[in-house]
Amino acid sequence: MVNENLTPEEFARQLEGAGGSGLAQLYTTSPVAKILDSLGLKVYDLSSLDQTDSLIVGRIFEAVQEYAMYHDKNPSLEKQCEHILDLVRQHLQHL
C-alpha cells in the first residue's frame, strides 16, 4: 500500500528500494517499477530526461493512471502513478 503522505522525492527513494524496508521492496516489484524498467528507466533517471522524453513518460503514466481508475479500479496503482507524474512535473518545471 502506498503512503499518501509521501513527497514525490520520498516516493522516488522508496521506489528505488533505498533502506531495504518491506514497503520499498514492494515498490521495486510494483507495476510502476515494471513500467519504468520496460522503458529502460529507473526513477532517478526521470530527472535527466529532456522535455520531449519527460512529456512522453508523463503521458504513459497518465494513461496507466486512467486505466487504474476506470478499468482496474486499483487505487494503489493510481496513487503510484500520481507520484511519478509529480516527479515528471517537477522536472519539467526546472527545464
C-alpha atoms as a PDB file:
ATOM      1  CA  MET A   1       0.000   0.000   0.000  1.00  0.00           C
ATOM      2  CA  VAL A   2       1.196   3.498  -0.834  1.00  0.00           C
ATOM      3  CA  ASN A   3       1.651   6.069   1.904  1.00  0.00           C
ATOM      4  CA  GLU A   4      -0.291   9.049   0.581  1.00  0.00           C
ATOM      5  CA  ASN A   5       1.721  11.472   2.742  1.00  0.00           C
ATOM      6  CA  LEU A   6       4.999  10.825   0.917  1.00  0.00           C
ATOM      7  CA  THR A   7       6.555  13.622  -1.065  1.00  0.00           C
ATOM      8  CA  PRO A   8       7.486  12.714  -4.630  1.00  0.00           C
ATOM      9  CA  GLU A   9      11.156  12.606  -3.590  1.00  0.00           C
ATOM     10  CA  GLU A  10      10.431  10.227  -0.703  1.00  0.00           C
ATOM     11  CA  PHE A  11       8.368   8.074  -3.034  1.00  0.00           C
ATOM     12  CA  ALA A  12      11.258   8.022  -5.512  1.00  0.00           C
ATOM     13  CA  ARG A  13      13.679   6.873  -2.824  1.00  0.00           C
ATOM     14  CA  GLN A  14      11.282   4.140  -1.747  1.00  0.00           C
ATOM     15  CA  LEU A  15      10.582   3.118  -5.324  1.00  0.00           C
ATOM     16  CA  GLU A  16      14.324   2.695  -5.853  1.00  0.00           C
ATOM     17  CA  GLY A  17      14.391   0.356  -2.851  1.00  0.00           C
ATOM     18  CA  ALA A  18      16.518   2.552  -0.585  1.00  0.00           C
ATOM     19  CA  GLY A  19      16.609   1.425   3.002  1.00  0.00           C
ATOM     20  CA  GLY A  20      15.525  -2.157   2.407  1.00  0.00           C
ATOM     21  CA  SER A  21      12.118  -1.706   4.068  1.00  0.00           C
ATOM     22  CA  GLY A  22       9.271  -4.012   3.162  1.00  0.00           C
ATOM     23  CA  LEU A  23       7.449  -1.070   1.594  1.00  0.00           C
ATOM     24  CA  ALA A  24      10.462  -0.144  -0.523  1.00  0.00           C
ATOM     25  CA  GLN A  25      10.832  -3.746  -1.657  1.00  0.00           C
ATOM     26  CA  LEU A  26       7.168  -3.767  -2.650  1.00  0.00           C
ATOM     27  CA  TYR A  27       7.734  -0.709  -4.857  1.00  0.00           C
ATOM     28  CA  THR A  28      10.592  -2.380  -6.693  1.00  0.00           C
ATOM     29  CA  THR A  29       8.188  -5.058  -7.889  1.00  0.00           C
ATOM     30  CA  SER A  30       5.225  -2.725  -8.374  1.00  0.00           C
ATOM     31  CA  PRO A  31       3.612  -2.168 -11.760  1.00  0.00           C
ATOM     32  CA  VAL A  32       5.094   1.348 -11.788  1.00  0.00           C
ATOM     33  CA  ALA A  33       8.623  -0.018 -11.321  1.00  0.00           C
ATOM     34  CA  LYS A  34       7.981  -2.603 -14.029  1.00  0.00           C
ATOM     35  CA  ILE A  35       6.720   0.071 -16.440  1.00  0.00           C
ATOM     36  CA  LEU A  36       9.801   2.201 -15.815  1.00  0.00           C
ATOM     37  CA  ASP A  37      12.004  -0.859 -16.276  1.00  0.00           C
ATOM     38  CA  SER A  38      10.325  -1.710 -19.584  1.00  0.00           C
ATOM     39  CA  LEU A  39      11.100   1.845 -20.715  1.00  0.00           C
ATOM     40  CA  GLY A  40      14.724   1.300 -19.711  1.00  0.00           C
ATOM     41  CA  LEU A  41      14.453   3.787 -16.853  1.00  0.00           C
ATOM     42  CA  LYS A  42      14.889   3.903 -13.127  1.00  0.00           C
ATOM     43  CA  VAL A  43      13.045   6.507 -11.103  1.00  0.00           C
ATOM     44  CA  TYR A  44      16.252   8.532 -10.633  1.00  0.00           C
ATOM     45  CA  ASP A  45      16.579   8.732 -14.445  1.00  0.00           C
ATOM     46  CA  LEU A  46      13.453  10.888 -14.635  1.00  0.00           C
ATOM     47  CA  SER A  47      15.438  13.978 -13.675  1.00  0.00           C
ATOM     48  CA  SER A  48      17.835  13.508 -16.603  1.00  0.00           C
ATOM     49  CA  LEU A  49      15.213  13.303 -19.364  1.00  0.00           C
ATOM     50  CA  ASP A  50      14.786  16.101 -21.864  1.00  0.00           C
ATOM     51  CA  GLN A  51      11.443  17.847 -22.279  1.00  0.00           C
ATOM     52  CA  THR A  52      10.132  15.589 -25.051  1.00  0.00           C
ATOM     53  CA  ASP A  53      11.018  12.368 -23.235  1.00  0.00           C
ATOM     54  CA  SER A  54       9.555  13.727 -19.996  1.00  0.00           C
ATOM     55  CA  LEU A  55       6.288  14.525 -21.742  1.00  0.00           C
ATOM     56  CA  ILE A  56       6.168  11.040 -23.267  1.00  0.00           C
ATOM     57  CA  VAL A  57       6.813   9.344 -19.913  1.00  0.00           C
ATOM     58  CA  GLY A  58       4.224  11.606 -18.302  1.00  0.00           C
ATOM     59  CA  ARG A  59       1.628  10.673 -20.906  1.00  0.00           C
ATOM     60  CA  ILE A  60       2.348   6.961 -20.413  1.00  0.00           C
ATOM     61  CA  PHE A  61       1.703   7.267 -16.691  1.00  0.00           C
ATOM     62  CA  GLU A  62      -1.416   9.368 -17.274  1.00  0.00           C
ATOM     63  CA  ALA A  63      -2.764   6.519 -19.412  1.00  0.00           C
ATOM     64  CA  VAL A  64      -1.840   3.914 -16.779  1.00  0.00           C
ATOM     65  CA  GLN A  65      -3.443   6.057 -14.085  1.00  0.00           C
ATOM     66  CA  GLU A  66      -6.628   6.362 -16.138  1.00  0.00           C
ATOM     67  CA  TYR A  67      -6.666   2.587 -16.606  1.00  0.00           C
ATOM     68  CA  ALA A  68      -6.190   2.117 -12.855  1.00  0.00           C
ATOM     69  CA  MET A  69      -9.084   4.461 -12.118  1.00  0.00           C
ATOM     70  CA  TYR A  70     -11.693   3.280 -14.578  1.00  0.00           C
ATOM     71  CA  HIS A  71     -10.875  -0.256 -15.650  1.00  0.00           C
ATOM     72  CA  ASP A  72      -8.778  -1.930 -12.970  1.00  0.00           C
ATOM     73  CA  LYS A  73     -10.249   0.017 -10.016  1.00  0.00           C
ATOM     74  CA  ASN A  74      -6.808  -0.039  -8.413  1.00  0.00           C
ATOM     75  CA  PRO A  75      -6.337   2.978  -6.099  1.00  0.00           C
ATOM     76  CA  SER A  76      -2.808   1.888  -5.154  1.00  0.00           C
ATOM     77  CA  LEU A  77      -1.635   1.912  -8.773  1.00  0.00           C
ATOM     78  CA  GLU A  78      -3.470   5.177  -9.342  1.00  0.00           C
ATOM     79  CA  LYS A  79      -1.618   6.806  -6.434  1.00  0.00           C
ATOM     80  CA  GLN A  80       1.763   5.415  -7.533  1.00  0.00           C
ATOM     81  CA  CYS A  81       1.192   6.881 -10.996  1.00  0.00           C
ATOM     82  CA  GLU A  82       0.313  10.223  -9.424  1.00  0.00           C
ATOM     83  CA  HIS A  83       3.634  10.222  -7.561  1.00  0.00           C
ATOM     84  CA  ILE A  84       5.544   9.512 -10.785  1.00  0.00           C
ATOM     85  CA  LEU A  85       3.585  12.254 -12.545  1.00  0.00           C
ATOM     86  CA  ASP A  86       4.508  14.649  -9.721  1.00  0.00           C
ATOM     87  CA  LEU A  87       8.186  13.818 -10.267  1.00  0.00           C
ATOM     88  CA  VAL A  88       7.851  14.390 -14.017  1.00  0.00           C
ATOM     89  CA  ARG A  89       6.009  17.696 -13.487  1.00  0.00           C
ATOM     90  CA  GLN A  90       8.641  18.919 -11.030  1.00  0.00           C
ATOM     91  CA  HIS A  91      11.363  18.046 -13.518  1.00  0.00           C
ATOM     92  CA  LEU A  92       9.559  19.845 -16.344  1.00  0.00           C
ATOM     93  CA  GLN A  93       9.261  22.986 -14.220  1.00  0.00           C
ATOM     94  CA  HIS A  94      13.052  23.025 -13.802  1.00  0.00           C
ATOM     95  CA  LEU A  95      13.807  22.708 -17.527  1.00  0.00           C
END
